């Protein structure tokens, strides 16, 4: 897939205020500091489309970007350890859950995971929740350039092993590096494949 056009559309505080449009939506989510903004900028080929921030957890709204006038890339707030009050965390959870469970246009969630870390409880719980909620999702490992190729492969294999304990079939898995544009074609081809299925379905 060639991305000719990628533009910010709107930020919404809740699902009901998202674009009134029927185009397919692909949501990106991960823990704070997983490199989500860098990945979105790398995928779209736009340096500053998603704002990268020195302070993790700056995305506090549901951000829609229209791609090639055909589909939306949706940047969801990160979850995890960003310094937030209990009330704020609850509000963010409601926003994320509301969007993921109620948004009819959502066709796939991309869950971002830092390839350098062992399987974290918070990510595994989120994966479990997506599964029990029957939400189609794929896993994107980020920051592959920070490890040797063999160590990266080892970490992915270890993660798959953990997932295999509860999953009969593993979700699609992509390994990416925003620095080296690794995994870009694979992720975009996957989105294009789903879009084509939807058009022909």
C-alpha atoms as a PDB file:
ATOM      1  CA  UNK A   1       0.000   0.000   0.000  1.00  0.00           C
ATOM      2  CA  UNK A   2       1.250   3.423  -0.917  1.00  0.00           C
ATOM      3  CA  UNK A   3       0.198   6.214   1.415  1.00  0.00           C
ATOM      4  CA  UNK A   4      -0.405   9.328  -0.651  1.00  0.00           C
ATOM      5  CA  UNK A   5      -2.405  11.244   1.883  1.00  0.00           C
ATOM      6  CA  UNK A   6      -2.544  11.208   5.677  1.00  0.00           C
ATOM      7  CA  UNK A   7      -4.345  13.961   7.546  1.00  0.00           C
ATOM      8  CA  UNK A   8      -5.503  14.569  11.081  1.00  0.00           C
ATOM      9  CA  UNK A   9      -9.324  14.605  11.226  1.00  0.00           C
ATOM     10  CA  UNK A  10     -10.408  15.119  14.819  1.00  0.00           C
ATOM     11  CA  UNK A  11      -9.859  14.320  18.491  1.00  0.00           C
ATOM     12  CA  UNK A  12     -12.833  12.988  20.411  1.00  0.00           C
ATOM     13  CA  UNK A  13     -13.312  12.481  24.158  1.00  0.00           C
ATOM     14  CA  UNK A  14     -15.740   9.590  23.572  1.00  0.00           C
ATOM     15  CA  UNK A  15     -16.874   7.115  20.931  1.00  0.00           C
ATOM     16  CA  UNK A  16     -20.118   8.957  20.177  1.00  0.00           C
ATOM     17  CA  UNK A  17     -18.137  12.045  19.087  1.00  0.00           C
ATOM     18  CA  UNK A  18     -15.930  10.187  16.588  1.00  0.00           C
ATOM     19  CA  UNK A  19     -16.361  10.897  12.837  1.00  0.00           C
ATOM     20  CA  UNK A  20     -19.782  10.130  11.416  1.00  0.00           C
ATOM     21  CA  UNK A  21     -18.361   7.983   8.671  1.00  0.00           C
ATOM     22  CA  UNK A  22     -18.527   4.352   7.602  1.00  0.00           C
ATOM     23  CA  UNK A  23     -14.898   3.951   6.499  1.00  0.00           C
ATOM     24  CA  UNK A  24     -12.960   1.153   8.238  1.00  0.00           C
ATOM     25  CA  UNK A  25     -10.913   2.104  11.297  1.00  0.00           C
ATOM     26  CA  UNK A  26      -7.668   0.613  12.602  1.00  0.00           C
ATOM     27  CA  UNK A  27      -6.835   1.503  16.187  1.00  0.00           C
ATOM     28  CA  UNK A  28      -3.333   1.637  17.656  1.00  0.00           C
ATOM     29  CA  UNK A  29      -2.869   1.234  21.386  1.00  0.00           C
ATOM     30  CA  UNK A  30      -0.115   0.286  23.809  1.00  0.00           C
ATOM     31  CA  UNK A  31       1.423   1.152  27.115  1.00  0.00           C
ATOM     32  CA  UNK A  32       2.769   4.622  27.637  1.00  0.00           C
ATOM     33  CA  UNK A  33       6.251   4.966  26.137  1.00  0.00           C
ATOM     34  CA  UNK A  34       5.900   2.053  23.704  1.00  0.00           C
ATOM     35  CA  UNK A  35       6.731   4.286  20.718  1.00  0.00           C
ATOM     36  CA  UNK A  36       3.208   4.631  19.303  1.00  0.00           C
ATOM     37  CA  UNK A  37       3.550   8.129  17.835  1.00  0.00           C
ATOM     38  CA  UNK A  38       6.858   7.238  16.168  1.00  0.00           C
ATOM     39  CA  UNK A  39       5.282   4.112  14.676  1.00  0.00           C
ATOM     40  CA  UNK A  40       2.272   6.032  13.323  1.00  0.00           C
ATOM     41  CA  UNK A  41       4.574   8.630  11.775  1.00  0.00           C
ATOM     42  CA  UNK A  42       6.726   5.889  10.251  1.00  0.00           C
ATOM     43  CA  UNK A  43       3.734   4.012   8.798  1.00  0.00           C
ATOM     44  CA  UNK A  44       2.229   7.138   7.261  1.00  0.00           C
ATOM     45  CA  UNK A  45       5.547   8.603   6.148  1.00  0.00           C
ATOM     46  CA  UNK A  46       4.696  11.880   7.912  1.00  0.00           C
ATOM     47  CA  UNK A  47       7.211  13.078  10.472  1.00  0.00           C
ATOM     48  CA  UNK A  48       4.852  14.974  12.743  1.00  0.00           C
ATOM     49  CA  UNK A  49       1.442  13.457  12.082  1.00  0.00           C
ATOM     50  CA  UNK A  50       1.189  12.003  15.586  1.00  0.00           C
ATOM     51  CA  UNK A  51       2.819  14.189  18.194  1.00  0.00           C
ATOM     52  CA  UNK A  52       5.740  12.444  19.853  1.00  0.00           C
ATOM     53  CA  UNK A  53       6.232  13.591  23.393  1.00  0.00           C
ATOM     54  CA  UNK A  54       8.985  13.427  25.974  1.00  0.00           C
ATOM     55  CA  UNK A  55       6.278  12.803  28.557  1.00  0.00           C
ATOM     56  CA  UNK A  56       4.633   9.397  28.054  1.00  0.00           C
ATOM     57  CA  UNK A  57       0.851   9.274  28.052  1.00  0.00           C
ATOM     58  CA  UNK A  58       0.136  12.593  26.369  1.00  0.00           C
ATOM     59  CA  UNK A  59      -2.601  11.180  24.117  1.00  0.00           C
ATOM     60  CA  UNK A  60      -5.753  11.686  26.169  1.00  0.00           C
ATOM     61  CA  UNK A  61      -8.295  11.654  23.351  1.00  0.00           C
ATOM     62  CA  UNK A  62      -9.305   9.361  20.498  1.00  0.00           C
ATOM     63  CA  UNK A  63      -7.402  10.795  17.526  1.00  0.00           C
ATOM     64  CA  UNK A  64      -8.570  10.054  13.985  1.00  0.00           C
ATOM     65  CA  UNK A  65      -6.339  10.362  10.914  1.00  0.00           C
ATOM     66  CA  UNK A  66      -7.800   9.802   7.456  1.00  0.00           C
ATOM     67  CA  UNK A  67      -5.508   7.795   5.143  1.00  0.00           C
ATOM     68  CA  UNK A  68      -5.813   8.004   1.337  1.00  0.00           C
ATOM     69  CA  UNK A  69      -9.440   9.067   1.917  1.00  0.00           C
ATOM     70  CA  UNK A  70     -10.131   5.333   2.344  1.00  0.00           C
ATOM     71  CA  UNK A  71      -9.600   4.370   5.980  1.00  0.00           C
ATOM     72  CA  UNK A  72      -8.895   5.822   9.389  1.00  0.00           C
ATOM     73  CA  UNK A  73      -5.880   5.282  11.545  1.00  0.00           C
ATOM     74  CA  UNK A  74      -6.995   5.798  15.138  1.00  0.00           C
ATOM     75  CA  UNK A  75      -4.530   6.742  17.853  1.00  0.00           C
ATOM     76  CA  UNK A  76      -5.900   5.661  21.242  1.00  0.00           C
ATOM     77  CA  UNK A  77      -4.602   6.819  24.645  1.00  0.00           C
ATOM     78  CA  UNK A  78      -1.825   4.675  26.082  1.00  0.00           C
ATOM     79  CA  UNK A  79      -2.364   2.690  29.243  1.00  0.00           C
ATOM     80  CA  UNK A  80       0.008   1.947  32.075  1.00  0.00           C
ATOM     81  CA  UNK A  81       2.270   3.932  34.282  1.00  0.00           C
ATOM     82  CA  UNK A  82       1.883   7.550  33.111  1.00  0.00           C
ATOM     83  CA  UNK A  83       1.391   9.671  36.211  1.00  0.00           C
ATOM     84  CA  UNK A  84      -2.361  10.015  36.418  1.00  0.00           C
ATOM     85  CA  UNK A  85      -4.911  10.274  39.190  1.00  0.00           C
ATOM     86  CA  UNK A  86      -7.269   7.361  39.795  1.00  0.00           C
ATOM     87  CA  UNK A  87     -10.123   9.423  38.397  1.00  0.00           C
ATOM     88  CA  UNK A  88      -8.211  10.212  35.200  1.00  0.00           C
ATOM     89  CA  UNK A  89      -7.228   6.568  34.725  1.00  0.00           C
ATOM     90  CA  UNK A  90     -10.876   5.515  35.136  1.00  0.00           C
ATOM     91  CA  UNK A  91     -11.963   8.118  32.583  1.00  0.00           C
ATOM     92  CA  UNK A  92      -9.349   6.945  30.086  1.00  0.00           C
ATOM     93  CA  UNK A  93     -10.349   3.308  30.568  1.00  0.00           C
ATOM     94  CA  UNK A  94     -13.999   4.162  29.937  1.00  0.00           C
ATOM     95  CA  UNK A  95     -13.031   6.067  26.783  1.00  0.00           C
ATOM     96  CA  UNK A  96     -10.860   3.238  25.431  1.00  0.00           C
ATOM     97  CA  UNK A  97     -13.359   0.504  26.329  1.00  0.00           C
ATOM     98  CA  UNK A  98     -16.243   2.511  24.922  1.00  0.00           C
ATOM     99  CA  UNK A  99     -14.479   3.026  21.623  1.00  0.00           C
ATOM    100  CA  UNK A 100     -13.208  -0.544  21.236  1.00  0.00           C
ATOM    101  CA  UNK A 101     -16.478  -2.229  22.208  1.00  0.00           C
ATOM    102  CA  UNK A 102     -18.996   0.149  20.610  1.00  0.00           C
ATOM    103  CA  UNK A 103     -17.343   1.466  17.466  1.00  0.00           C
ATOM    104  CA  UNK A 104     -18.892  -0.420  14.563  1.00  0.00           C
ATOM    105  CA  UNK A 105     -16.335   0.924  12.072  1.00  0.00           C
ATOM    106  CA  UNK A 106     -13.428  -0.556  14.047  1.00  0.00           C
ATOM    107  CA  UNK A 107     -12.094  -3.559  12.133  1.00  0.00           C
ATOM    108  CA  UNK A 108      -8.796  -4.216  13.903  1.00  0.00           C
ATOM    109  CA  UNK A 109      -6.828  -3.193  16.985  1.00  0.00           C
ATOM    110  CA  UNK A 110      -3.045  -3.092  16.766  1.00  0.00           C
ATOM    111  CA  UNK A 111      -1.568  -3.687  20.192  1.00  0.00           C
ATOM    112  CA  UNK A 112       1.946  -2.290  20.510  1.00  0.00           C
ATOM    113  CA  UNK A 113       4.500  -4.030  22.720  1.00  0.00           C
ATOM    114  CA  UNK A 114       8.114  -3.048  23.424  1.00  0.00           C
ATOM    115  CA  UNK A 115      10.180  -5.944  22.080  1.00  0.00           C
ATOM    116  CA  UNK A 116      12.845  -5.449  24.785  1.00  0.00           C
ATOM    117  CA  UNK A 117      10.538  -6.376  27.654  1.00  0.00           C
ATOM    118  CA  UNK A 118       9.332  -9.711  28.952  1.00  0.00           C
ATOM    119  CA  UNK A 119       5.581 -10.314  28.776  1.00  0.00           C
ATOM    120  CA  UNK A 120       3.996  -7.762  31.119  1.00  0.00           C
ATOM    121  CA  UNK A 121       0.888  -8.545  33.151  1.00  0.00           C
ATOM    122  CA  UNK A 122      -0.887  -5.364  31.987  1.00  0.00           C
ATOM    123  CA  UNK A 123      -0.416  -6.265  28.288  1.00  0.00           C
ATOM    124  CA  UNK A 124      -1.434  -9.891  28.798  1.00  0.00           C
ATOM    125  CA  UNK A 125      -4.598  -8.758  30.586  1.00  0.00           C
ATOM    126  CA  UNK A 126      -5.401  -6.392  27.734  1.00  0.00           C
ATOM    127  CA  UNK A 127      -4.847  -9.190  25.185  1.00  0.00           C
ATOM    128  CA  UNK A 128      -7.127 -11.432  27.248  1.00  0.00           C
ATOM    129  CA  UNK A 129      -9.791  -8.713  27.347  1.00  0.00           C
ATOM    130  CA  UNK A 130      -9.646  -8.228  23.564  1.00  0.00           C
ATOM    131  CA  UNK A 131     -10.014 -11.993  23.132  1.00  0.00           C
ATOM    132  CA  UNK A 132     -12.960 -12.420  25.476  1.00  0.00           C
ATOM    133  CA  UNK A 133     -14.606  -9.356  23.881  1.00  0.00           C
ATOM    134  CA  UNK A 134     -14.133 -10.953  20.411  1.00  0.00           C
ATOM    135  CA  UNK A 135     -12.224  -7.923  19.117  1.00  0.00           C
ATOM    136  CA  UNK A 136      -9.959  -8.727  16.122  1.00  0.00           C
ATOM    137  CA  UNK A 137      -6.403  -7.657  16.916  1.00  0.00           C
ATOM    138  CA  UNK A 138      -2.778  -8.002  15.889  1.00  0.00           C
ATOM    139  CA  UNK A 139       0.401  -7.481  17.905  1.00  0.00           C
ATOM    140  CA  UNK A 140       3.104  -5.068  16.806  1.00  0.00           C
ATOM    141  CA  UNK A 141       6.458  -5.339  18.516  1.00  0.00           C
ATOM    142  CA  UNK A 142       8.201  -1.959  18.512  1.00  0.00           C
ATOM    143  CA  UNK A 143      11.830  -0.799  18.880  1.00  0.00           C
ATOM    144  CA  UNK A 144      13.387  -3.831  17.141  1.00  0.00           C
ATOM    145  CA  UNK A 145      16.451  -1.704  16.267  1.00  0.00           C
ATOM    146  CA  UNK A 146      17.326  -1.594  19.976  1.00  0.00           C
ATOM    147  CA  UNK A 147      18.169  -5.330  19.930  1.00  0.00           C
ATOM    148  CA  UNK A 148      20.203  -7.660  17.746  1.00  0.00           C
ATOM    149  CA  UNK A 149      18.136  -9.627  15.237  1.00  0.00           C
ATOM    150  CA  UNK A 150      18.717 -12.878  17.158  1.00  0.00           C
ATOM    151  CA  UNK A 151      17.736 -11.340  20.522  1.00  0.00           C
ATOM    152  CA  UNK A 152      14.608  -9.801  18.958  1.00  0.00           C
ATOM    153  CA  UNK A 153      13.623 -13.188  17.495  1.00  0.00           C
ATOM    154  CA  UNK A 154      14.286 -14.822  20.876  1.00  0.00           C
ATOM    155  CA  UNK A 155      12.042 -12.317  22.683  1.00  0.00           C
ATOM    156  CA  UNK A 156       9.219 -12.754  20.160  1.00  0.00           C
ATOM    157  CA  UNK A 157       9.473 -16.540  20.506  1.00  0.00           C
ATOM    158  CA  UNK A 158       9.316 -16.221  24.303  1.00  0.00           C
ATOM    159  CA  UNK A 159       6.234 -14.015  24.012  1.00  0.00           C
ATOM    160  CA  UNK A 160       4.520 -16.469  21.681  1.00  0.00           C
ATOM    161  CA  UNK A 161       5.227 -19.224  24.186  1.00  0.00           C
ATOM    162  CA  UNK A 162       3.487 -17.248  26.950  1.00  0.00           C
ATOM    163  CA  UNK A 163       0.497 -16.540  24.681  1.00  0.00           C
ATOM    164  CA  UNK A 164       0.286 -20.182  23.612  1.00  0.00           C
ATOM    165  CA  UNK A 165      -0.528 -21.112  27.202  1.00  0.00           C
ATOM    166  CA  UNK A 166      -3.961 -19.485  26.838  1.00  0.00           C
ATOM    167  CA  UNK A 167      -4.438 -19.107  23.069  1.00  0.00           C
ATOM    168  CA  UNK A 168      -5.002 -21.962  20.659  1.00  0.00           C
ATOM    169  CA  UNK A 169      -4.345 -19.689  17.713  1.00  0.00           C
ATOM    170  CA  UNK A 170      -2.008 -16.719  17.953  1.00  0.00           C
ATOM    171  CA  UNK A 171      -2.936 -13.319  16.508  1.00  0.00           C
ATOM    172  CA  UNK A 172      -0.935 -11.886  13.581  1.00  0.00           C
ATOM    173  CA  UNK A 173       2.427 -10.607  14.859  1.00  0.00           C
ATOM    174  CA  UNK A 174       4.592  -7.877  13.319  1.00  0.00           C
ATOM    175  CA  UNK A 175       8.100  -6.792  14.296  1.00  0.00           C
ATOM    176  CA  UNK A 176       8.837  -3.125  13.649  1.00  0.00           C
ATOM    177  CA  UNK A 177      11.418  -0.407  14.049  1.00  0.00           C
ATOM    178  CA  UNK A 178      10.350   3.189  13.499  1.00  0.00           C
ATOM    179  CA  UNK A 179      14.021   4.159  13.144  1.00  0.00           C
ATOM    180  CA  UNK A 180      14.689   1.693  10.336  1.00  0.00           C
ATOM    181  CA  UNK A 181      11.178   1.603   8.840  1.00  0.00           C
ATOM    182  CA  UNK A 182      11.187  -2.144   9.553  1.00  0.00           C
ATOM    183  CA  UNK A 183       7.793  -3.847   9.321  1.00  0.00           C
ATOM    184  CA  UNK A 184       6.155  -0.908   7.531  1.00  0.00           C
ATOM    185  CA  UNK A 185       5.192  -2.798   4.364  1.00  0.00           C
ATOM    186  CA  UNK A 186       3.964  -5.827   6.324  1.00  0.00           C
ATOM    187  CA  UNK A 187       1.615  -3.774   8.525  1.00  0.00           C
ATOM    188  CA  UNK A 188       0.294  -1.685   5.612  1.00  0.00           C
ATOM    189  CA  UNK A 189      -0.196  -4.797   3.447  1.00  0.00           C
ATOM    190  CA  UNK A 190      -2.148  -6.408   6.280  1.00  0.00           C
ATOM    191  CA  UNK A 191      -4.439  -3.352   6.467  1.00  0.00           C
ATOM    192  CA  UNK A 192      -4.813  -3.317   2.684  1.00  0.00           C
ATOM    193  CA  UNK A 193      -5.735  -7.020   2.720  1.00  0.00           C
ATOM    194  CA  UNK A 194      -8.533  -6.394   5.248  1.00  0.00           C
ATOM    195  CA  UNK A 195      -9.753  -3.349   3.286  1.00  0.00           C
ATOM    196  CA  UNK A 196      -9.947  -5.436   0.100  1.00  0.00           C
ATOM    197  CA  UNK A 197     -11.871  -8.169   1.911  1.00  0.00           C
ATOM    198  CA  UNK A 198     -14.338  -5.591   3.206  1.00  0.00           C
ATOM    199  CA  UNK A 199     -14.807  -4.101  -0.262  1.00  0.00           C
ATOM    200  CA  UNK A 200     -15.333  -7.490  -1.858  1.00  0.00           C
ATOM    201  CA  UNK A 201     -17.268  -8.961   1.034  1.00  0.00           C
END
